[in-house]
N, C-alpha and C. Protein backbone atom coordinates (compact mmCIF):
# COMPACT_ATOMS: atom_id res chain seq x y z
N MET A 1 70.85 -27.65 30.26
CA MET A 1 71.95 -26.66 30.60
C MET A 1 71.39 -25.50 30.77
N GLY A 2 70.19 -25.08 30.35
CA GLY A 2 69.64 -23.79 30.51
C GLY A 2 69.39 -23.22 29.53
N GLY A 3 69.82 -23.56 28.29
CA GLY A 3 69.44 -22.88 27.08
C GLY A 3 69.76 -23.60 25.80
N SER A 4 69.91 -23.18 24.55
CA SER A 4 69.87 -23.90 23.29
C SER A 4 71.45 -23.46 23.43
N ILE A 5 72.19 -24.68 22.58
CA ILE A 5 73.37 -24.31 22.23
C ILE A 5 73.80 -23.72 21.21
N ASP A 6 75.03 -22.44 21.28
CA ASP A 6 75.03 -21.82 20.00
C ASP A 6 76.44 -22.56 19.46
N PHE A 7 77.58 -22.80 20.40
CA PHE A 7 78.71 -23.44 20.13
C PHE A 7 79.46 -24.48 21.15
N ILE A 8 80.15 -25.47 20.46
CA ILE A 8 81.02 -26.11 21.35
C ILE A 8 82.70 -26.02 20.99
N THR A 9 83.17 -26.08 21.98
CA THR A 9 84.38 -26.11 21.76
C THR A 9 85.69 -27.09 22.62
N ILE A 10 86.18 -27.89 22.25
CA ILE A 10 86.78 -29.06 22.69
C ILE A 10 88.17 -28.78 23.29
N SER A 11 88.62 -29.05 24.19
CA SER A 11 90.15 -28.86 25.06
C SER A 11 91.13 -29.80 24.00
N PRO A 12 92.43 -29.25 23.85
CA PRO A 12 93.18 -30.20 23.07
C PRO A 12 93.39 -31.73 23.78
N ASN A 13 93.41 -31.85 25.13
CA ASN A 13 93.12 -33.00 25.60
C ASN A 13 92.17 -33.81 25.59
N ASN A 14 90.81 -33.29 25.14
CA ASN A 14 89.47 -34.01 25.14
C ASN A 14 88.92 -33.91 26.58
N ARG A 15 89.49 -33.65 27.36
CA ARG A 15 89.12 -33.52 28.91
C ARG A 15 87.58 -32.52 29.20
N PHE A 16 87.87 -31.27 28.26
CA PHE A 16 86.70 -30.50 28.68
C PHE A 16 85.83 -30.12 27.40
N TYR A 17 84.68 -29.94 27.35
CA TYR A 17 83.99 -29.04 26.48
C TYR A 17 83.27 -27.68 26.87
N CYS A 18 83.69 -26.76 26.19
CA CYS A 18 83.26 -25.45 26.38
C CYS A 18 82.09 -25.26 25.73
N VAL A 19 80.79 -24.93 26.40
CA VAL A 19 79.66 -24.83 25.52
C VAL A 19 79.20 -23.52 25.74
N GLY A 20 78.89 -22.95 24.65
CA GLY A 20 78.23 -21.46 24.49
C GLY A 20 76.77 -21.61 24.32
N LEU A 21 75.79 -21.16 24.97
CA LEU A 21 74.64 -21.01 25.31
C LEU A 21 74.04 -19.69 24.96
N ASP A 22 72.33 -19.74 24.35
CA ASP A 22 72.13 -18.70 23.82
C ASP A 22 71.42 -17.63 24.85
N ASP A 23 71.70 -17.99 26.38
CA ASP A 23 71.31 -17.03 27.49
C ASP A 23 72.81 -16.42 27.77
N ASN A 24 73.93 -16.28 26.85
CA ASN A 24 75.03 -15.72 26.88
C ASN A 24 75.46 -16.16 28.27
N SER A 25 75.67 -17.34 28.28
CA SER A 25 76.51 -18.24 29.45
C SER A 25 77.38 -19.28 28.54
N ILE A 26 78.51 -19.66 29.19
CA ILE A 26 79.51 -20.76 29.01
C ILE A 26 79.51 -21.58 29.83
N CYS A 27 79.42 -22.72 29.33
CA CYS A 27 79.57 -23.91 30.81
C CYS A 27 80.81 -24.80 30.44
N LEU A 28 81.59 -24.91 31.26
CA LEU A 28 82.61 -25.83 31.06
C LEU A 28 82.27 -27.35 31.63
N VAL A 29 82.35 -28.27 30.78
CA VAL A 29 81.79 -29.55 30.94
C VAL A 29 82.88 -30.50 31.11
N ASN A 30 82.95 -31.29 32.15
CA ASN A 30 83.98 -32.45 32.25
C ASN A 30 83.38 -33.61 31.41
N SER A 31 84.05 -33.99 30.25
CA SER A 31 83.71 -34.97 29.37
C SER A 31 84.06 -36.51 29.85
N ILE A 32 84.68 -36.47 30.88
CA ILE A 32 84.92 -37.83 31.41
C ILE A 32 83.84 -38.11 32.67
N ILE A 33 83.53 -37.35 33.53
CA ILE A 33 82.64 -37.48 34.41
C ILE A 33 81.16 -36.94 34.08
N GLN A 34 81.32 -36.54 32.95
CA GLN A 34 80.01 -35.60 32.42
C GLN A 34 79.31 -34.79 33.77
N THR A 35 79.96 -33.83 33.99
CA THR A 35 79.29 -32.87 35.02
C THR A 35 79.62 -31.42 34.39
N ILE A 36 79.13 -30.29 34.94
CA ILE A 36 79.51 -29.02 34.84
C ILE A 36 80.42 -28.41 35.89
N GLU A 37 81.59 -28.28 35.17
CA GLU A 37 82.54 -27.82 36.35
C GLU A 37 82.29 -26.23 36.54
N GLN A 38 82.17 -25.44 35.62
CA GLN A 38 82.22 -23.96 35.93
C GLN A 38 81.01 -23.47 35.07
N VAL A 39 80.38 -22.40 35.76
CA VAL A 39 79.41 -21.61 34.36
C VAL A 39 80.04 -20.21 34.62
N ILE A 40 80.31 -19.65 33.48
CA ILE A 40 80.40 -18.15 33.41
C ILE A 40 79.19 -17.39 32.71
N GLN A 41 78.31 -16.75 33.39
CA GLN A 41 76.89 -15.97 32.93
C GLN A 41 77.19 -14.85 32.94
N GLY A 42 76.89 -14.12 31.94
CA GLY A 42 76.74 -12.88 31.61
C GLY A 42 75.66 -12.19 31.56
N HIS A 43 75.28 -11.06 30.80
CA HIS A 43 73.97 -10.58 31.28
C HIS A 43 73.10 -11.30 29.96
N GLN A 44 71.99 -11.65 30.38
CA GLN A 44 71.22 -12.87 29.68
C GLN A 44 70.27 -12.27 29.01
N TYR A 45 69.89 -10.74 28.89
CA TYR A 45 68.55 -10.40 28.15
C TYR A 45 69.03 -10.22 26.64
N VAL A 46 68.06 -10.93 25.79
CA VAL A 46 68.22 -10.80 24.58
C VAL A 46 66.98 -10.22 23.88
N HIS A 47 66.70 -9.18 23.25
CA HIS A 47 65.41 -8.58 23.15
C HIS A 47 64.75 -9.36 21.84
N HIS A 48 63.31 -9.92 22.01
CA HIS A 48 62.58 -10.83 21.16
C HIS A 48 61.05 -10.10 21.41
N THR A 49 60.50 -10.54 20.32
CA THR A 49 58.83 -10.62 20.70
C THR A 49 58.39 -11.17 21.78
N LEU A 50 58.72 -12.46 22.10
CA LEU A 50 58.19 -13.02 23.49
C LEU A 50 58.43 -12.31 24.87
N ASN A 51 59.53 -11.80 24.82
CA ASN A 51 59.97 -11.22 26.27
C ASN A 51 60.68 -9.68 26.00
N PRO A 52 59.71 -8.87 25.51
CA PRO A 52 60.33 -7.55 25.60
C PRO A 52 60.95 -7.29 27.08
N LEU A 53 62.03 -6.19 27.20
CA LEU A 53 62.27 -5.54 28.23
C LEU A 53 61.44 -4.62 29.06
N THR A 54 60.29 -5.14 29.33
CA THR A 54 58.92 -4.19 30.10
C THR A 54 59.62 -3.50 31.38
N THR A 55 60.02 -4.29 32.22
CA THR A 55 60.38 -3.83 33.48
C THR A 55 61.55 -3.00 33.78
N GLY A 56 61.88 -2.52 32.35
CA GLY A 56 63.31 -1.63 32.45
C GLY A 56 64.58 -1.99 33.41
N LEU A 57 65.20 -1.30 33.61
CA LEU A 57 66.73 -1.56 34.57
C LEU A 57 66.26 -0.91 36.10
N LYS A 58 65.82 -1.95 37.14
CA LYS A 58 65.58 -1.78 38.22
C LYS A 58 66.70 -1.75 39.08
N ILE A 59 67.06 -0.97 40.01
CA ILE A 59 68.09 -1.33 41.07
C ILE A 59 67.63 -1.78 42.81
N GLU A 60 68.11 -2.87 42.71
CA GLU A 60 67.54 -3.75 44.17
C GLU A 60 68.33 -2.84 45.37
N PRO A 61 67.42 -2.11 46.48
CA PRO A 61 68.14 -1.48 47.07
C PRO A 61 69.14 -1.72 48.13
N ARG A 62 69.26 -2.89 48.59
CA ARG A 62 70.07 -3.64 49.36
C ARG A 62 71.57 -3.68 48.90
N ASN A 63 71.68 -4.28 47.91
CA ASN A 63 72.85 -4.71 47.42
C ASN A 63 73.20 -3.85 45.94
N HIS A 64 72.26 -3.19 45.31
CA HIS A 64 72.39 -2.23 44.25
C HIS A 64 72.72 -2.82 43.25
N HIS A 65 72.09 -3.99 42.95
CA HIS A 65 72.25 -5.20 41.68
C HIS A 65 71.32 -4.54 40.87
N VAL A 66 71.62 -4.71 39.58
CA VAL A 66 70.60 -4.38 38.58
C VAL A 66 69.35 -5.51 38.31
N VAL A 67 68.15 -5.16 38.30
CA VAL A 67 67.15 -6.23 38.08
C VAL A 67 66.51 -6.12 36.97
N MET A 68 66.31 -7.04 36.22
CA MET A 68 65.33 -6.93 34.91
C MET A 68 64.51 -8.41 34.48
N ASN A 69 63.84 -8.02 33.80
CA ASN A 69 63.11 -9.68 33.24
C ASN A 69 64.01 -10.01 32.20
N GLU A 70 64.71 -11.39 32.25
CA GLU A 70 65.59 -11.74 31.17
C GLU A 70 64.53 -12.94 30.57
N VAL A 71 65.15 -14.30 31.15
CA VAL A 71 64.21 -15.28 30.40
C VAL A 71 62.92 -15.45 30.84
N LEU A 72 61.99 -15.88 30.16
CA LEU A 72 60.73 -16.15 30.32
C LEU A 72 60.20 -16.44 31.41
N GLY A 73 59.35 -15.73 32.45
CA GLY A 73 59.11 -16.11 33.87
C GLY A 73 60.20 -15.93 35.09
N SER A 74 61.24 -15.01 34.40
CA SER A 74 62.16 -14.84 35.49
C SER A 74 62.96 -13.86 35.74
N LEU A 75 63.63 -13.06 36.57
CA LEU A 75 64.28 -11.94 36.71
C LEU A 75 65.94 -12.34 37.09
N GLN A 76 66.46 -11.29 36.30
CA GLN A 76 67.97 -11.62 36.70
C GLN A 76 68.94 -10.48 37.74
N PHE A 77 69.37 -11.06 38.13
CA PHE A 77 69.92 -9.86 39.25
C PHE A 77 71.62 -9.75 39.05
N TYR A 78 72.00 -8.48 38.65
CA TYR A 78 73.27 -8.73 37.86
C TYR A 78 73.95 -7.43 38.62
N ASN A 79 75.36 -7.86 38.95
CA ASN A 79 76.05 -6.64 39.66
C ASN A 79 76.84 -5.98 38.45
N ALA A 80 76.47 -4.77 38.42
CA ALA A 80 77.15 -4.02 37.15
C ALA A 80 78.46 -3.54 37.57
N ASN A 81 78.91 -3.21 39.00
CA ASN A 81 80.08 -2.91 39.00
C ASN A 81 81.22 -3.91 39.02
N ALA A 82 80.84 -5.20 39.30
CA ALA A 82 81.89 -6.42 39.21
C ALA A 82 81.44 -6.89 37.68
N ASP A 83 80.61 -6.44 36.78
CA ASP A 83 79.96 -6.98 35.80
C ASP A 83 79.82 -8.65 35.74
N SER A 84 79.05 -8.81 36.55
CA SER A 84 78.63 -10.48 36.94
C SER A 84 77.39 -10.66 37.31
N HIS A 85 77.18 -12.06 36.97
CA HIS A 85 75.68 -12.46 37.16
C HIS A 85 75.94 -12.88 38.69
N VAL A 86 74.58 -12.25 39.46
CA VAL A 86 74.38 -12.83 40.70
C VAL A 86 73.50 -13.73 40.76
N MET A 87 72.32 -13.94 40.06
CA MET A 87 71.46 -14.91 40.52
C MET A 87 70.39 -14.69 39.28
N ASP A 88 69.18 -15.77 39.25
CA ASP A 88 67.97 -15.92 38.48
C ASP A 88 67.06 -16.03 39.47
N LEU A 89 65.78 -15.14 39.70
CA LEU A 89 64.91 -15.76 40.40
C LEU A 89 63.70 -15.98 39.78
N GLU A 90 63.30 -17.38 39.93
CA GLU A 90 62.05 -17.73 39.23
C GLU A 90 61.03 -17.17 39.60
N VAL A 91 60.15 -16.27 39.19
CA VAL A 91 59.25 -15.79 39.64
C VAL A 91 57.49 -16.63 39.33
N VAL A 92 57.62 -17.29 38.18
CA VAL A 92 56.58 -17.96 37.71
C VAL A 92 57.19 -19.35 37.34
N LEU A 93 56.84 -20.35 37.89
CA LEU A 93 57.27 -21.80 37.50
C LEU A 93 57.15 -22.03 36.42
N MET A 94 58.12 -22.52 35.39
CA MET A 94 57.97 -23.00 33.92
C MET A 94 58.10 -24.48 33.98
N SER A 95 57.23 -25.29 33.34
CA SER A 95 57.19 -26.67 33.11
C SER A 95 58.19 -26.67 32.33
N THR A 96 59.21 -28.12 32.62
CA THR A 96 60.19 -28.23 32.18
C THR A 96 59.93 -29.37 31.39
N ALA A 97 58.67 -29.89 30.95
CA ALA A 97 58.39 -31.04 30.15
C ALA A 97 57.89 -30.27 28.68
N VAL A 98 57.80 -28.81 28.39
CA VAL A 98 57.54 -28.11 27.56
C VAL A 98 58.84 -27.18 27.05
N ARG A 99 58.88 -26.98 25.88
CA ARG A 99 59.87 -25.84 25.57
C ARG A 99 59.36 -24.39 25.89
N ALA A 100 60.02 -23.51 26.65
CA ALA A 100 59.43 -22.31 26.77
C ALA A 100 59.16 -21.32 25.35
N ALA A 101 59.72 -21.66 24.37
CA ALA A 101 59.35 -21.02 23.49
C ALA A 101 58.85 -21.75 22.15
N GLU A 102 58.13 -22.88 22.48
CA GLU A 102 57.43 -23.81 21.66
C GLU A 102 56.36 -23.07 20.74
N LYS A 103 56.19 -23.31 19.68
CA LYS A 103 54.91 -22.54 18.74
C LYS A 103 53.59 -23.02 19.42
N GLY A 104 52.88 -22.00 19.54
CA GLY A 104 51.73 -22.14 20.19
C GLY A 104 51.67 -22.02 21.73
N ILE A 105 52.72 -22.03 22.40
CA ILE A 105 52.77 -21.93 24.11
C ILE A 105 52.44 -20.48 24.15
N VAL A 106 51.68 -20.15 25.30
CA VAL A 106 51.55 -18.74 25.79
C VAL A 106 51.98 -18.52 26.83
N ASN A 107 53.15 -18.04 26.71
CA ASN A 107 54.60 -18.15 27.74
C ASN A 107 54.07 -16.68 28.80
N THR A 108 54.28 -16.86 30.24
CA THR A 108 54.38 -15.70 31.30
C THR A 108 55.09 -14.84 30.89
N HIS A 109 54.81 -13.46 31.12
CA HIS A 109 55.61 -12.60 30.99
C HIS A 109 55.71 -11.34 32.21
N ILE A 110 56.56 -11.25 32.58
CA ILE A 110 56.83 -10.31 33.86
C ILE A 110 56.89 -8.82 33.20
N ILE A 111 55.84 -7.75 33.74
CA ILE A 111 55.73 -6.73 33.25
C ILE A 111 56.35 -5.85 34.23
N HIS A 112 56.20 -5.93 35.37
CA HIS A 112 56.51 -4.98 36.14
C HIS A 112 57.46 -5.42 37.48
N VAL A 113 58.40 -4.72 38.08
CA VAL A 113 58.91 -5.29 39.24
C VAL A 113 59.30 -3.78 39.92
N VAL A 114 59.30 -3.89 41.47
CA VAL A 114 59.30 -2.76 42.52
C VAL A 114 59.71 -3.19 43.63
N PHE A 115 60.56 -2.88 44.20
CA PHE A 115 61.17 -2.80 45.48
C PHE A 115 60.80 -1.74 46.56
N LEU A 116 60.47 -2.32 47.92
CA LEU A 116 60.29 -1.14 48.70
C LEU A 116 61.46 -0.52 49.04
N PRO A 117 61.78 0.75 49.88
CA PRO A 117 62.87 1.45 49.81
C PRO A 117 63.94 0.65 50.49
N ASN A 118 63.65 0.19 51.56
CA ASN A 118 64.71 -0.72 52.37
C ASN A 118 64.88 -1.81 51.78
N GLY A 119 64.24 -2.57 50.86
CA GLY A 119 64.80 -3.84 49.97
C GLY A 119 64.31 -5.01 50.47
N GLU A 120 63.06 -4.75 51.75
CA GLU A 120 62.61 -5.99 52.09
C GLU A 120 61.52 -6.69 51.54
N TRP A 121 60.93 -6.19 50.73
CA TRP A 121 59.76 -6.89 49.91
C TRP A 121 60.06 -6.23 48.30
N MET A 122 59.67 -7.23 47.32
CA MET A 122 59.69 -7.12 46.11
C MET A 122 58.11 -7.55 45.59
N VAL A 123 57.74 -6.61 44.68
CA VAL A 123 56.54 -7.07 44.01
C VAL A 123 56.66 -7.24 42.46
N THR A 124 56.21 -8.35 41.87
CA THR A 124 56.11 -8.41 40.65
C THR A 124 54.60 -8.36 40.05
N VAL A 125 54.69 -8.03 38.55
CA VAL A 125 53.08 -8.37 37.96
C VAL A 125 53.55 -9.31 36.70
N ASP A 126 53.05 -10.08 36.70
CA ASP A 126 53.36 -10.90 35.13
C ASP A 126 51.88 -10.92 34.75
N VAL A 127 51.87 -11.70 33.53
CA VAL A 127 50.59 -11.69 32.68
C VAL A 127 50.96 -12.93 31.58
N ARG A 128 49.68 -13.48 31.32
CA ARG A 128 49.61 -14.65 30.18
C ARG A 128 48.35 -14.36 29.47
N PRO A 129 48.38 -14.08 28.15
CA PRO A 129 47.27 -13.52 27.45
C PRO A 129 46.52 -14.59 26.93
N ILE A 130 45.90 -15.41 27.99
CA ILE A 130 44.99 -16.53 27.83
C ILE A 130 44.13 -16.67 29.11
N ALA A 131 42.89 -17.05 28.40
CA ALA A 131 41.75 -17.27 29.40
C ALA A 131 40.91 -18.45 29.25
N ILE A 132 40.07 -18.96 29.99
CA ILE A 132 39.09 -20.06 29.76
C ILE A 132 37.86 -19.88 30.33
N THR A 133 37.12 -19.98 29.57
CA THR A 133 35.39 -20.06 30.14
C THR A 133 34.77 -21.14 30.03
N THR A 134 33.47 -21.15 30.91
CA THR A 134 32.98 -22.66 30.86
C THR A 134 31.31 -22.23 30.65
N PRO A 135 30.91 -21.99 29.61
CA PRO A 135 29.28 -21.44 29.35
C PRO A 135 28.76 -22.85 29.67
N GLN A 136 27.15 -22.49 29.71
CA GLN A 136 26.34 -23.76 29.57
C GLN A 136 25.84 -24.72 28.70
N ASP A 137 26.75 -24.47 27.21
CA ASP A 137 26.59 -25.29 26.59
C ASP A 137 27.27 -26.50 26.16
N LYS A 138 27.82 -26.89 27.64
CA LYS A 138 28.70 -28.08 27.68
C LYS A 138 29.84 -28.16 27.02
N THR A 139 30.61 -26.92 27.12
CA THR A 139 31.85 -26.73 26.36
C THR A 139 32.77 -25.94 27.24
N PHE A 140 33.97 -25.99 27.03
CA PHE A 140 34.88 -24.84 27.82
C PHE A 140 35.66 -24.33 26.30
N LYS A 141 35.98 -23.10 26.63
CA LYS A 141 36.36 -22.16 25.57
C LYS A 141 37.70 -21.73 26.05
N VAL A 142 38.73 -22.08 25.06
CA VAL A 142 40.12 -21.04 25.33
C VAL A 142 40.17 -20.19 24.56
N TRP A 143 40.44 -19.05 25.30
CA TRP A 143 40.49 -17.29 24.64
C TRP A 143 42.07 -17.05 24.46
N ASN A 144 42.48 -16.40 23.42
CA ASN A 144 43.70 -15.59 23.42
C ASN A 144 43.26 -14.04 23.26
N LEU A 145 44.11 -13.29 23.82
CA LEU A 145 44.28 -11.95 23.58
C LEU A 145 44.74 -11.38 22.18
N ASN A 146 44.33 -11.09 21.68
CA ASN A 146 44.75 -10.39 20.41
C ASN A 146 45.66 -9.26 20.29
N SER A 147 47.38 -9.82 20.23
CA SER A 147 48.33 -8.92 20.66
C SER A 147 48.57 -8.04 19.47
N ASN A 148 48.02 -8.29 18.17
CA ASN A 148 48.32 -7.26 17.08
C ASN A 148 47.53 -6.04 17.29
N GLN A 149 46.89 -5.80 18.09
CA GLN A 149 46.41 -4.55 18.14
C GLN A 149 46.78 -3.72 19.73
N SER A 150 46.31 -2.49 19.45
CA SER A 150 46.77 -1.57 20.69
C SER A 150 45.73 -1.92 21.82
N ASN A 151 46.44 -1.80 23.31
CA ASN A 151 45.70 -2.00 24.39
C ASN A 151 44.50 -1.38 24.31
N THR A 152 44.33 -0.21 23.93
CA THR A 152 42.77 0.12 23.76
C THR A 152 41.91 -0.46 22.84
N ASP A 153 42.27 -1.14 22.04
CA ASP A 153 41.46 -1.94 21.01
C ASP A 153 41.63 -3.36 21.14
N ALA A 154 42.21 -3.73 22.10
CA ALA A 154 42.55 -5.06 22.20
C ALA A 154 41.14 -6.31 22.29
N THR A 155 41.08 -7.11 21.45
CA THR A 155 40.05 -8.11 21.53
C THR A 155 40.37 -9.40 21.98
N TRP A 156 39.54 -10.30 22.49
CA TRP A 156 39.59 -11.63 23.06
C TRP A 156 39.08 -12.69 21.52
N ILE A 157 39.99 -13.50 21.44
CA ILE A 157 39.80 -14.28 20.16
C ILE A 157 39.65 -16.11 20.86
N CYS A 158 38.39 -16.66 20.47
CA CYS A 158 38.15 -18.11 20.76
C CYS A 158 39.18 -18.86 20.04
N ARG A 159 40.43 -19.48 20.75
CA ARG A 159 41.25 -20.35 19.87
C ARG A 159 40.66 -22.02 19.71
N SER A 160 40.00 -22.35 20.79
CA SER A 160 39.84 -23.49 20.74
C SER A 160 38.25 -24.07 21.69
N VAL A 161 37.81 -24.81 21.26
CA VAL A 161 36.41 -25.14 22.26
C VAL A 161 36.73 -26.83 22.51
N GLY A 162 36.27 -26.99 23.83
CA GLY A 162 36.32 -28.62 24.46
C GLY A 162 35.11 -29.15 24.87
N VAL A 163 35.00 -30.41 24.75
CA VAL A 163 33.70 -31.14 25.03
C VAL A 163 34.45 -32.38 25.64
N TYR A 164 33.60 -32.77 26.94
CA TYR A 164 33.68 -34.07 27.31
C TYR A 164 32.33 -35.14 27.77
N ARG A 165 32.20 -35.92 26.87
CA ARG A 165 31.38 -37.00 27.00
C ARG A 165 29.33 -35.98 27.28
N ASN A 166 29.54 -34.90 26.69
CA ASN A 166 28.17 -34.38 26.59
C ASN A 166 28.01 -34.06 28.10
N SER A 167 28.94 -33.80 28.96
CA SER A 167 28.63 -33.20 30.16
C SER A 167 29.01 -31.60 30.33
N GLU A 168 28.45 -30.92 31.37
CA GLU A 168 28.49 -29.47 31.39
C GLU A 168 30.04 -29.58 32.23
N ALA A 169 30.70 -28.33 31.59
CA ALA A 169 31.94 -28.00 32.20
C ALA A 169 31.48 -27.05 33.31
N LYS A 170 32.06 -27.22 34.67
CA LYS A 170 31.83 -26.33 35.74
C LYS A 170 32.95 -25.69 36.30
N VAL A 171 34.22 -25.95 36.46
CA VAL A 171 35.05 -25.29 36.91
C VAL A 171 36.41 -25.28 35.69
N ALA A 172 37.09 -24.55 35.56
CA ALA A 172 38.46 -24.76 34.99
C ALA A 172 39.19 -24.01 35.53
N ALA A 173 40.73 -24.39 35.37
CA ALA A 173 41.90 -23.65 36.13
C ALA A 173 42.92 -24.01 35.14
N PHE A 174 43.99 -23.19 34.99
CA PHE A 174 45.43 -23.49 34.55
C PHE A 174 46.35 -23.82 35.78
N SER A 175 47.19 -24.38 35.02
CA SER A 175 48.49 -24.78 36.34
C SER A 175 49.14 -23.49 36.30
N GLU A 176 50.10 -23.14 36.80
CA GLU A 176 50.98 -22.16 37.36
C GLU A 176 51.47 -21.46 36.10
N ASP A 177 52.03 -22.35 35.32
CA ASP A 177 53.10 -22.18 34.20
C ASP A 177 52.33 -22.17 32.92
N GLY A 178 50.93 -22.29 32.89
CA GLY A 178 49.74 -22.32 32.04
C GLY A 178 50.22 -23.71 30.89
N SER A 179 50.93 -24.62 30.98
CA SER A 179 51.20 -25.78 30.31
C SER A 179 49.97 -26.97 30.32
N MET A 180 48.95 -26.90 31.66
CA MET A 180 48.23 -27.87 31.72
C MET A 180 46.66 -26.88 31.80
N LEU A 181 45.39 -27.63 31.55
CA LEU A 181 44.40 -27.16 32.20
C LEU A 181 43.70 -28.26 32.69
N ALA A 182 43.03 -27.81 33.72
CA ALA A 182 42.17 -28.76 34.52
C ALA A 182 40.54 -28.38 34.51
N VAL A 183 39.71 -29.28 34.03
CA VAL A 183 38.40 -28.83 33.83
C VAL A 183 37.36 -30.15 34.46
N ARG A 184 36.46 -29.52 35.29
CA ARG A 184 35.73 -30.53 36.04
C ARG A 184 34.51 -30.09 35.39
N PHE A 185 34.10 -31.54 34.74
CA PHE A 185 32.65 -32.05 34.36
C PHE A 185 32.01 -32.76 35.53
N GLY A 186 30.87 -32.50 36.37
CA GLY A 186 30.09 -32.86 37.06
C GLY A 186 31.19 -33.37 38.13
N GLN A 187 31.31 -34.66 38.52
CA GLN A 187 32.13 -35.00 39.44
C GLN A 187 33.39 -35.70 38.56
N THR A 188 33.66 -35.11 37.67
CA THR A 188 34.90 -35.81 37.12
C THR A 188 35.67 -34.51 36.64
N ILE A 189 37.02 -34.93 36.94
CA ILE A 189 38.16 -33.86 36.52
C ILE A 189 39.28 -34.56 35.70
N THR A 190 39.47 -33.81 34.85
CA THR A 190 39.94 -34.12 33.63
C THR A 190 41.09 -32.91 33.40
N LEU A 191 42.18 -33.39 32.56
CA LEU A 191 43.30 -32.82 32.71
C LEU A 191 43.70 -32.38 30.79
N TRP A 192 43.90 -31.37 30.29
CA TRP A 192 43.87 -30.96 29.14
C TRP A 192 45.23 -30.33 28.67
N TYR A 193 45.84 -30.64 27.22
CA TYR A 193 46.87 -29.78 26.92
C TYR A 193 46.47 -28.71 26.35
N PRO A 194 46.29 -27.52 26.87
CA PRO A 194 45.43 -26.12 26.41
C PRO A 194 45.74 -25.86 24.87
N TYR A 195 47.39 -26.00 24.44
CA TYR A 195 47.44 -25.60 23.34
C TYR A 195 47.23 -26.39 21.94
N LEU A 196 47.02 -27.22 22.26
CA LEU A 196 46.69 -28.50 21.08
C LEU A 196 44.98 -29.08 21.55
N ASN A 197 44.37 -28.68 22.60
CA ASN A 197 43.12 -28.74 22.92
C ASN A 197 42.90 -30.29 23.20
N SER A 198 44.01 -31.26 23.77
CA SER A 198 43.81 -32.44 23.50
C SER A 198 43.69 -32.98 25.00
N ILE A 199 43.09 -34.03 25.31
CA ILE A 199 42.89 -34.55 26.85
C ILE A 199 43.88 -35.35 27.33
N GLN A 200 44.62 -35.02 28.51
CA GLN A 200 45.88 -35.95 28.92
C GLN A 200 45.30 -36.76 29.88
N ALA A 201 44.51 -36.78 30.62
CA ALA A 201 44.18 -37.68 31.72
C ALA A 201 42.66 -37.28 32.11
N ASN A 202 42.17 -38.46 32.74
CA ASN A 202 40.38 -38.45 33.34
C ASN A 202 40.77 -39.60 34.30
N PRO A 203 39.81 -39.75 35.15
CA PRO A 203 39.61 -40.68 36.27
C PRO A 203 39.80 -42.33 35.76
N GLU A 204 39.05 -42.07 34.14
CA GLU A 204 38.75 -43.46 33.78
C GLU A 204 39.70 -43.91 32.88
């Protein structure tokens, strides 16, 4: 449905379920055919440490919609005059196989958004405070940016070290949403879950 359920209300004839979600939306669900009949979407942003409002409130030049980072990896376009939700724009693909706020997941955060004056182009900047290195000691290392310090004193902390059959790690890259890590050892490509440092797949 797009969010965690906050409440459920059932119509007197038991035909519809009114489901309130934590993204400030209400879904009207037909219980007979089990489909969503209607969605009422409000302003989605709720401040929390994973997703601070770093973009501020921007105005999209063509339609004068308010634009802001709301759910992780996305922007919300909102019609302030009509007090209505216009659309969500997924800037960074988020894996549906993991929960966006799962403990240990390093989420992608949109920090800037800007439009050309004519509205033809939009530019965004997103960050994920995680990095991967492949030193010559036959390991790969996953690093996290220490967010408890100021930007001027920020440090990188090694969160995990991985090895594979005493082979040297050559190249490594994250999937776009950061939920998977590919590491090449010689001619072998392995897939890892970087937050538990567990191997998920290899050719053998």
